[in-house]
Amino acid sequence: MINTKLLVQQLNNFMKGSTAASEARVQVKLPKGELYSVDGYFDIKRISLLQNNLIGTRESHRIVFEVTSEAWKMQKPKLKL
């Protein structure tokens, strides 16, 4: 599980690294074989910047969020901001 501070820090590092990263496609990688969570929530386990190897694709890079099932159950949110 990562927190907001680490998420922003990682994304800023990607943005500083190359201009291609600022135009990167964002994807979510689910755990193998798991298509849903009991309550619909996942924790982010890892963030990776990957280069596409396909010729002629619109996006040269992608940012992938690897998720895992919640580490512990959280209470229902009080308010959506």
PDB file of N, CA and C in Angstrom:
ATOM      1  N   MET A   1       0.847  -1.174   0.000  1.00  0.00           N
ATOM      2  CA  MET A   1       0.000   0.000   0.000  1.00  0.00           C
ATOM      3  C   MET A   1       0.891   1.235   0.000  1.00  0.00           C
ATOM      4  N   ILE A   2       0.555   2.214  -0.827  1.00  0.00           N
ATOM      5  CA  ILE A   2       1.297   3.465  -0.832  1.00  0.00           C
ATOM      6  C   ILE A   2       0.381   4.598  -0.397  1.00  0.00           C
ATOM      7  N   ASN A   3       0.982   5.672   0.099  1.00  0.00           N
ATOM      8  CA  ASN A   3       0.181   6.819   0.524  1.00  0.00           C
ATOM      9  C   ASN A   3       0.234   7.917  -0.533  1.00  0.00           C
ATOM     10  N   THR A   4      -0.525   8.967  -0.333  1.00  0.00           N
ATOM     11  CA  THR A   4      -0.638  10.048  -1.310  1.00  0.00           C
ATOM     12  C   THR A   4       0.697  10.736  -1.556  1.00  0.00           C
ATOM     13  N   LYS A   5       1.463  10.955  -0.500  1.00  0.00           N
ATOM     14  CA  LYS A   5       2.759  11.630  -0.627  1.00  0.00           C
ATOM     15  C   LYS A   5       3.680  10.849  -1.563  1.00  0.00           C
ATOM     16  N   LEU A   6       3.750   9.542  -1.398  1.00  0.00           N
ATOM     17  CA  LEU A   6       4.598   8.704  -2.239  1.00  0.00           C
ATOM     18  C   LEU A   6       4.071   8.650  -3.674  1.00  0.00           C
ATOM     19  N   LEU A   7       2.754   8.599  -3.846  1.00  0.00           N
ATOM     20  CA  LEU A   7       2.155   8.591  -5.176  1.00  0.00           C
ATOM     21  C   LEU A   7       2.523   9.851  -5.954  1.00  0.00           C
ATOM     22  N   VAL A   8       2.367  11.012  -5.328  1.00  0.00           N
ATOM     23  CA  VAL A   8       2.682  12.281  -5.987  1.00  0.00           C
ATOM     24  C   VAL A   8       4.172  12.368  -6.285  1.00  0.00           C
ATOM     25  N   GLN A   9       5.005  11.930  -5.350  1.00  0.00           N
ATOM     26  CA  GLN A   9       6.456  11.947  -5.541  1.00  0.00           C
ATOM     27  C   GLN A   9       6.858  11.078  -6.738  1.00  0.00           C
ATOM     28  N   GLN A  10       6.280   9.908  -6.837  1.00  0.00           N
ATOM     29  CA  GLN A  10       6.595   8.998  -7.940  1.00  0.00           C
ATOM     30  C   GLN A  10       6.140   9.577  -9.274  1.00  0.00           C
ATOM     31  N   LEU A  11       4.935  10.125  -9.329  1.00  0.00           N
ATOM     32  CA  LEU A  11       4.435  10.717 -10.569  1.00  0.00           C
ATOM     33  C   LEU A  11       5.270  11.929 -10.979  1.00  0.00           C
ATOM     34  N   ASN A  12       5.704  12.739 -10.013  1.00  0.00           N
ATOM     35  CA  ASN A  12       6.582  13.876 -10.323  1.00  0.00           C
ATOM     36  C   ASN A  12       7.916  13.405 -10.891  1.00  0.00           C
ATOM     37  N   ASN A  13       8.447  12.314 -10.369  1.00  0.00           N
ATOM     38  CA  ASN A  13       9.697  11.756 -10.906  1.00  0.00           C
ATOM     39  C   ASN A  13       9.519  11.315 -12.357  1.00  0.00           C
ATOM     40  N   PHE A  14       8.376  10.704 -12.657  1.00  0.00           N
ATOM     41  CA  PHE A  14       8.106  10.308 -14.034  1.00  0.00           C
ATOM     42  C   PHE A  14       8.030  11.528 -14.946  1.00  0.00           C
ATOM     43  N   MET A  15       7.384  12.593 -14.473  1.00  0.00           N
ATOM     44  CA  MET A  15       7.208  13.796 -15.286  1.00  0.00           C
ATOM     45  C   MET A  15       8.543  14.504 -15.543  1.00  0.00           C
ATOM     46  N   LYS A  16       9.437  14.495 -14.575  1.00  0.00           N
ATOM     47  CA  LYS A  16      10.746  15.133 -14.735  1.00  0.00           C
ATOM     48  C   LYS A  16      11.642  14.329 -15.661  1.00  0.00           C
ATOM     49  N   GLY A  17      11.470  13.020 -15.667  1.00  0.00           N
ATOM     50  CA  GLY A  17      12.343  12.122 -16.418  1.00  0.00           C
ATOM     51  C   GLY A  17      12.266  12.300 -17.917  1.00  0.00           C
ATOM     52  N   SER A  18      11.075  12.503 -18.455  1.00  0.00           N
ATOM     53  CA  SER A  18      10.935  12.646 -19.902  1.00  0.00           C
ATOM     54  C   SER A  18       9.608  13.306 -20.239  1.00  0.00           C
ATOM     55  N   THR A  19       9.574  13.934 -21.395  1.00  0.00           N
ATOM     56  CA  THR A  19       8.320  14.537 -21.837  1.00  0.00           C
ATOM     57  C   THR A  19       7.338  13.460 -22.276  1.00  0.00           C
ATOM     58  N   ALA A  20       7.857  12.307 -22.705  1.00  0.00           N
ATOM     59  CA  ALA A  20       6.984  11.207 -23.113  1.00  0.00           C
ATOM     60  C   ALA A  20       6.152  10.704 -21.938  1.00  0.00           C
ATOM     61  N   ALA A  21       6.710  10.748 -20.739  1.00  0.00           N
ATOM     62  CA  ALA A  21       5.984  10.280 -19.565  1.00  0.00           C
ATOM     63  C   ALA A  21       4.786  11.164 -19.256  1.00  0.00           C
ATOM     64  N   SER A  22       4.859  12.441 -19.607  1.00  0.00           N
ATOM     65  CA  SER A  22       3.730  13.333 -19.345  1.00  0.00           C
ATOM     66  C   SER A  22       2.543  13.018 -20.251  1.00  0.00           C
ATOM     67  N   GLU A  23       2.776  12.341 -21.369  1.00  0.00           N
ATOM     68  CA  GLU A  23       1.719  11.952 -22.292  1.00  0.00           C
ATOM     69  C   GLU A  23       1.425  10.452 -22.218  1.00  0.00           C
ATOM     70  N   ALA A  24       1.950   9.783 -21.202  1.00  0.00           N
ATOM     71  CA  ALA A  24       1.826   8.324 -21.089  1.00  0.00           C
ATOM     72  C   ALA A  24       0.387   7.910 -20.794  1.00  0.00           C
ATOM     73  N   ARG A  25       0.034   6.755 -21.315  1.00  0.00           N
ATOM     74  CA  ARG A  25      -1.259   6.149 -21.021  1.00  0.00           C
ATOM     75  C   ARG A  25      -1.208   5.600 -19.594  1.00  0.00           C
ATOM     76  N   VAL A  26      -2.320   5.643 -18.869  1.00  0.00           N
ATOM     77  CA  VAL A  26      -2.374   5.133 -17.502  1.00  0.00           C
ATOM     78  C   VAL A  26      -3.233   3.876 -17.504  1.00  0.00           C
ATOM     79  N   GLN A  27      -2.687   2.781 -16.954  1.00  0.00           N
ATOM     80  CA  GLN A  27      -3.401   1.506 -16.887  1.00  0.00           C
ATOM     81  C   GLN A  27      -3.361   0.961 -15.468  1.00  0.00           C
ATOM     82  N   VAL A  28      -4.278   0.042 -15.185  1.00  0.00           N
ATOM     83  CA  VAL A  28      -4.324  -0.654 -13.904  1.00  0.00           C
ATOM     84  C   VAL A  28      -4.139  -2.134 -14.174  1.00  0.00           C
ATOM     85  N   LYS A  29      -3.176  -2.753 -13.476  1.00  0.00           N
ATOM     86  CA  LYS A  29      -2.925  -4.181 -13.619  1.00  0.00           C
ATOM     87  C   LYS A  29      -3.491  -4.891 -12.395  1.00  0.00           C
ATOM     88  N   LEU A  30      -4.493  -5.750 -12.625  1.00  0.00           N
ATOM     89  CA  LEU A  30      -5.113  -6.505 -11.536  1.00  0.00           C
ATOM     90  C   LEU A  30      -4.284  -7.745 -11.223  1.00  0.00           C
ATOM     91  N   PRO A  31      -4.389  -8.247  -9.983  1.00  0.00           N
ATOM     92  CA  PRO A  31      -3.704  -9.489  -9.658  1.00  0.00           C
ATOM     93  C   PRO A  31      -4.166 -10.615 -10.576  1.00  0.00           C
ATOM     94  N   LYS A  32      -3.274 -11.535 -10.878  1.00  0.00           N
ATOM     95  CA  LYS A  32      -3.584 -12.618 -11.812  1.00  0.00           C
ATOM     96  C   LYS A  32      -4.789 -13.422 -11.340  1.00  0.00           C
ATOM     97  N   GLY A  33      -5.765 -13.536 -12.212  1.00  0.00           N
ATOM     98  CA  GLY A  33      -6.944 -14.345 -11.915  1.00  0.00           C
ATOM     99  C   GLY A  33      -8.000 -13.652 -11.087  1.00  0.00           C
ATOM    100  N   GLU A  34      -7.715 -12.466 -10.580  1.00  0.00           N
ATOM    101  CA  GLU A  34      -8.696 -11.790  -9.734  1.00  0.00           C
ATOM    102  C   GLU A  34      -9.326 -10.644 -10.525  1.00  0.00           C
ATOM    103  N   LEU A  35     -10.606 -10.721 -10.741  1.00  0.00           N
ATOM    104  CA  LEU A  35     -11.281  -9.714 -11.547  1.00  0.00           C
ATOM    105  C   LEU A  35     -12.083  -8.731 -10.713  1.00  0.00           C
ATOM    106  N   TYR A  36     -12.265  -9.001  -9.423  1.00  0.00           N
ATOM    107  CA  TYR A  36     -13.041  -8.099  -8.592  1.00  0.00           C
ATOM    108  C   TYR A  36     -12.591  -8.233  -7.141  1.00  0.00           C
ATOM    109  N   SER A  37     -12.937  -7.257  -6.361  1.00  0.00           N
ATOM    110  CA  SER A  37     -12.721  -7.298  -4.925  1.00  0.00           C
ATOM    111  C   SER A  37     -14.091  -7.418  -4.277  1.00  0.00           C
ATOM    112  N   VAL A  38     -14.142  -7.983  -3.097  1.00  0.00           N
ATOM    113  CA  VAL A  38     -15.426  -8.188  -2.418  1.00  0.00           C
ATOM    114  C   VAL A  38     -16.173  -6.865  -2.279  1.00  0.00           C
ATOM    115  N   ASP A  39     -15.475  -5.805  -1.848  1.00  0.00           N
ATOM    116  CA  ASP A  39     -16.127  -4.514  -1.685  1.00  0.00           C
ATOM    117  C   ASP A  39     -15.779  -3.530  -2.801  1.00  0.00           C
ATOM    118  N   GLY A  40     -14.992  -3.976  -3.796  1.00  0.00           N
ATOM    119  CA  GLY A  40     -14.676  -3.125  -4.930  1.00  0.00           C
ATOM    120  C   GLY A  40     -13.442  -2.267  -4.776  1.00  0.00           C
ATOM    121  N   TYR A  41     -12.728  -2.383  -3.679  1.00  0.00           N
ATOM    122  CA  TYR A  41     -11.551  -1.551  -3.425  1.00  0.00           C
ATOM    123  C   TYR A  41     -10.272  -2.370  -3.501  1.00  0.00           C
ATOM    124  N   PHE A  42      -9.213  -1.749  -4.010  1.00  0.00           N
ATOM    125  CA  PHE A  42      -7.890  -2.357  -4.086  1.00  0.00           C
ATOM    126  C   PHE A  42      -6.861  -1.380  -3.529  1.00  0.00           C
ATOM    127  N   ASP A  43      -5.742  -1.899  -3.031  1.00  0.00           N
ATOM    128  CA  ASP A  43      -4.599  -1.079  -2.633  1.00  0.00           C
ATOM    129  C   ASP A  43      -3.607  -1.052  -3.788  1.00  0.00           C
ATOM    130  N   ILE A  44      -2.951   0.091  -4.003  1.00  0.00           N
ATOM    131  CA  ILE A  44      -1.913   0.177  -5.024  1.00  0.00           C
ATOM    132  C   ILE A  44      -0.636  -0.409  -4.443  1.00  0.00           C
ATOM    133  N   LYS A  45      -0.083  -1.391  -5.144  1.00  0.00           N
ATOM    134  CA  LYS A  45       1.122  -2.085  -4.680  1.00  0.00           C
ATOM    135  C   LYS A  45       2.374  -1.497  -5.317  1.00  0.00           C
ATOM    136  N   ARG A  46       2.301  -1.130  -6.597  1.00  0.00           N
ATOM    137  CA  ARG A  46       3.491  -0.675  -7.319  1.00  0.00           C
ATOM    138  C   ARG A  46       3.070   0.227  -8.471  1.00  0.00           C
ATOM    139  N   ILE A  47       3.909   1.215  -8.784  1.00  0.00           N
ATOM    140  CA  ILE A  47       3.704   2.084  -9.941  1.00  0.00           C
ATOM    141  C   ILE A  47       4.932   1.957 -10.822  1.00  0.00           C
ATOM    142  N   SER A  48       4.727   1.697 -12.115  1.00  0.00           N
ATOM    143  CA  SER A  48       5.846   1.513 -13.041  1.00  0.00           C
ATOM    144  C   SER A  48       5.640   2.363 -14.283  1.00  0.00           C
ATOM    145  N   LEU A  49       6.743   2.881 -14.805  1.00  0.00           N
ATOM    146  CA  LEU A  49       6.730   3.568 -16.092  1.00  0.00           C
ATOM    147  C   LEU A  49       7.325   2.609 -17.099  1.00  0.00           C
ATOM    148  N   LEU A  50       6.540   2.230 -18.115  1.00  0.00           N
ATOM    149  CA  LEU A  50       6.972   1.245 -19.102  1.00  0.00           C
ATOM    150  C   LEU A  50       7.019   1.873 -20.486  1.00  0.00           C
ATOM    151  N   GLN A  51       7.972   1.428 -21.300  1.00  0.00           N
ATOM    152  CA  GLN A  51       8.067   1.889 -22.675  1.00  0.00           C
ATOM    153  C   GLN A  51       7.390   0.874 -23.576  1.00  0.00           C
ATOM    154  N   ASN A  52       6.552   1.349 -24.489  1.00  0.00           N
ATOM    155  CA  ASN A  52       5.884   0.464 -25.440  1.00  0.00           C
ATOM    156  C   ASN A  52       6.857   0.083 -26.536  1.00  0.00           C
ATOM    157  N   ASN A  53       6.843  -1.176 -26.960  1.00  0.00           N
ATOM    158  CA  ASN A  53       7.737  -1.671 -27.995  1.00  0.00           C
ATOM    159  C   ASN A  53       7.071  -1.766 -29.360  1.00  0.00           C
ATOM    160  N   LEU A  54       5.795  -1.457 -29.442  1.00  0.00           N
ATOM    161  CA  LEU A  54       5.067  -1.563 -30.709  1.00  0.00           C
ATOM    162  C   LEU A  54       5.338  -0.351 -31.588  1.00  0.00           C
ATOM    163  N   ILE A  55       5.549  -0.592 -32.867  1.00  0.00           N
ATOM    164  CA  ILE A  55       5.783   0.484 -33.817  1.00  0.00           C
ATOM    165  C   ILE A  55       4.446   1.067 -34.252  1.00  0.00           C
ATOM    166  N   GLY A  56       4.356   2.383 -34.261  1.00  0.00           N
ATOM    167  CA  GLY A  56       3.148   3.043 -34.731  1.00  0.00           C
ATOM    168  C   GLY A  56       2.073   3.229 -33.681  1.00  0.00           C
ATOM    169  N   THR A  57       2.368   2.971 -32.415  1.00  0.00           N
ATOM    170  CA  THR A  57       1.361   3.194 -31.382  1.00  0.00           C
ATOM    171  C   THR A  57       1.273   4.677 -31.066  1.00  0.00           C
ATOM    172  N   ARG A  58       0.130   5.088 -30.581  1.00  0.00           N
ATOM    173  CA  ARG A  58      -0.063   6.497 -30.235  1.00  0.00           C
ATOM    174  C   ARG A  58       0.723   6.878 -28.995  1.00  0.00           C
ATOM    175  N   GLU A  59       0.835   5.972 -28.042  1.00  0.00           N
ATOM    176  CA  GLU A  59       1.537   6.251 -26.800  1.00  0.00           C
ATOM    177  C   GLU A  59       2.879   5.520 -26.797  1.00  0.00           C
ATOM    178  N   SER A  60       3.952   6.249 -26.528  1.00  0.00           N
ATOM    179  CA  SER A  60       5.264   5.612 -26.485  1.00  0.00           C
ATOM    180  C   SER A  60       5.543   5.015 -25.105  1.00  0.00           C
ATOM    181  N   HIS A  61       4.846   5.491 -24.080  1.00  0.00           N
ATOM    182  CA  HIS A  61       5.043   5.012 -22.714  1.00  0.00           C
ATOM    183  C   HIS A  61       3.693   4.780 -22.050  1.00  0.00           C
ATOM    184  N   ARG A  62       3.725   4.050 -20.944  1.00  0.00           N
ATOM    185  CA  ARG A  62       2.528   3.873 -20.128  1.00  0.00           C
ATOM    186  C   ARG A  62       2.914   3.803 -18.663  1.00  0.00           C
ATOM    187  N   ILE A  63       2.042   4.287 -17.829  1.00  0.00           N
ATOM    188  CA  ILE A  63       2.209   4.205 -16.382  1.00  0.00           C
ATOM    189  C   ILE A  63       1.238   3.138 -15.901  1.00  0.00           C
ATOM    190  N   VAL A  64       1.757   2.141 -15.196  1.00  0.00           N
ATOM    191  CA  VAL A  64       0.938   1.007 -14.766  1.00  0.00           C
ATOM    192  C   VAL A  64       0.862   0.983 -13.242  1.00  0.00           C
ATOM    193  N   PHE A  65      -0.357   0.961 -12.732  1.00  0.00           N
ATOM    194  CA  PHE A  65      -0.613   0.804 -11.304  1.00  0.00           C
ATOM    195  C   PHE A  65      -0.905  -0.665 -11.062  1.00  0.00           C
ATOM    196  N   GLU A  66      -0.055  -1.354 -10.312  1.00  0.00           N
ATOM    197  CA  GLU A  66      -0.329  -2.743  -9.938  1.00  0.00           C
ATOM    198  C   GLU A  66      -1.058  -2.728  -8.607  1.00  0.00           C
ATOM    199  N   VAL A  67      -2.183  -3.424  -8.558  1.00  0.00           N
ATOM    200  CA  VAL A  67      -3.020  -3.398  -7.362  1.00  0.00           C
ATOM    201  C   VAL A  67      -3.092  -4.775  -6.723  1.00  0.00           C
ATOM    202  N   THR A  68      -3.479  -4.767  -5.463  1.00  0.00           N
ATOM    203  CA  THR A  68      -3.680  -5.996  -4.710  1.00  0.00           C
ATOM    204  C   THR A  68      -4.945  -5.821  -3.877  1.00  0.00           C
ATOM    205  N   SER A  69      -5.489  -6.889  -3.371  1.00  0.00           N
ATOM    206  CA  SER A  69      -6.657  -6.785  -2.499  1.00  0.00           C
ATOM    207  C   SER A  69      -6.309  -5.959  -1.273  1.00  0.00           C
ATOM    208  N   GLU A  70      -7.317  -5.353  -0.684  1.00  0.00           N
ATOM    209  CA  GLU A  70      -7.093  -4.507   0.486  1.00  0.00           C
ATOM    210  C   GLU A  70      -6.322  -5.258   1.563  1.00  0.00           C
ATOM    211  N   ALA A  71      -5.333  -4.578   2.158  1.00  0.00           N
ATOM    212  CA  ALA A  71      -4.542  -5.181   3.233  1.00  0.00           C
ATOM    213  C   ALA A  71      -5.384  -5.322   4.503  1.00  0.00           C
ATOM    214  N   TRP A  72      -6.237  -4.355   4.764  1.00  0.00           N
ATOM    215  CA  TRP A  72      -7.169  -4.442   5.877  1.00  0.00           C
ATOM    216  C   TRP A  72      -8.455  -3.725   5.484  1.00  0.00           C
ATOM    217  N   LYS A  73      -9.533  -4.136   6.086  1.00  0.00           N
ATOM    218  CA  LYS A  73     -10.844  -3.564   5.786  1.00  0.00           C
ATOM    219  C   LYS A  73     -10.939  -2.160   6.374  1.00  0.00           C
ATOM    220  N   MET A  74     -11.374  -1.230   5.555  1.00  0.00           N
ATOM    221  CA  MET A  74     -11.623   0.130   6.026  1.00  0.00           C
ATOM    222  C   MET A  74     -13.131   0.301   6.182  1.00  0.00           C
ATOM    223  N   GLN A  75     -13.515   1.250   7.009  1.00  0.00           N
ATOM    224  CA  GLN A  75     -14.931   1.542   7.178  1.00  0.00           C
ATOM    225  C   GLN A  75     -15.455   2.251   5.942  1.00  0.00           C
ATOM    226  N   LYS A  76     -16.746   2.281   5.790  1.00  0.00           N
ATOM    227  CA  LYS A  76     -17.346   2.985   4.654  1.00  0.00           C
ATOM    228  C   LYS A  76     -17.037   4.469   4.772  1.00  0.00           C
ATOM    229  N   PRO A  77     -16.800   5.138   3.628  1.00  0.00           N
ATOM    230  CA  PRO A  77     -16.512   6.571   3.674  1.00  0.00           C
ATOM    231  C   PRO A  77     -17.720   7.384   4.137  1.00  0.00           C
ATOM    232  N   LYS A  78     -17.450   8.478   4.865  1.00  0.00           N
ATOM    233  CA  LYS A  78     -18.516   9.352   5.326  1.00  0.00           C
ATOM    234  C   LYS A  78     -18.970  10.304   4.233  1.00  0.00           C
ATOM    235  N   LEU A  79     -17.990  10.747   3.397  1.00  0.00           N
ATOM    236  CA  LEU A  79     -18.298  11.779   2.415  1.00  0.00           C
ATOM    237  C   LEU A  79     -17.366  11.638   1.238  1.00  0.00           C
ATOM    238  N   LYS A  80     -17.891  11.777   0.047  1.00  0.00           N
ATOM    239  CA  LYS A  80     -17.074  11.783  -1.159  1.00  0.00           C
ATOM    240  C   LYS A  80     -16.759  13.226  -1.506  1.00  0.00           C
ATOM    241  N   LEU A  81     -15.489  13.574  -1.573  1.00  0.00           N
ATOM    242  CA  LEU A  81     -15.082  14.963  -1.820  1.00  0.00           C
ATOM    243  C   LEU A  81     -14.902  15.244  -3.281  1.00  0.00           C
TER     244      LEU A  81
END
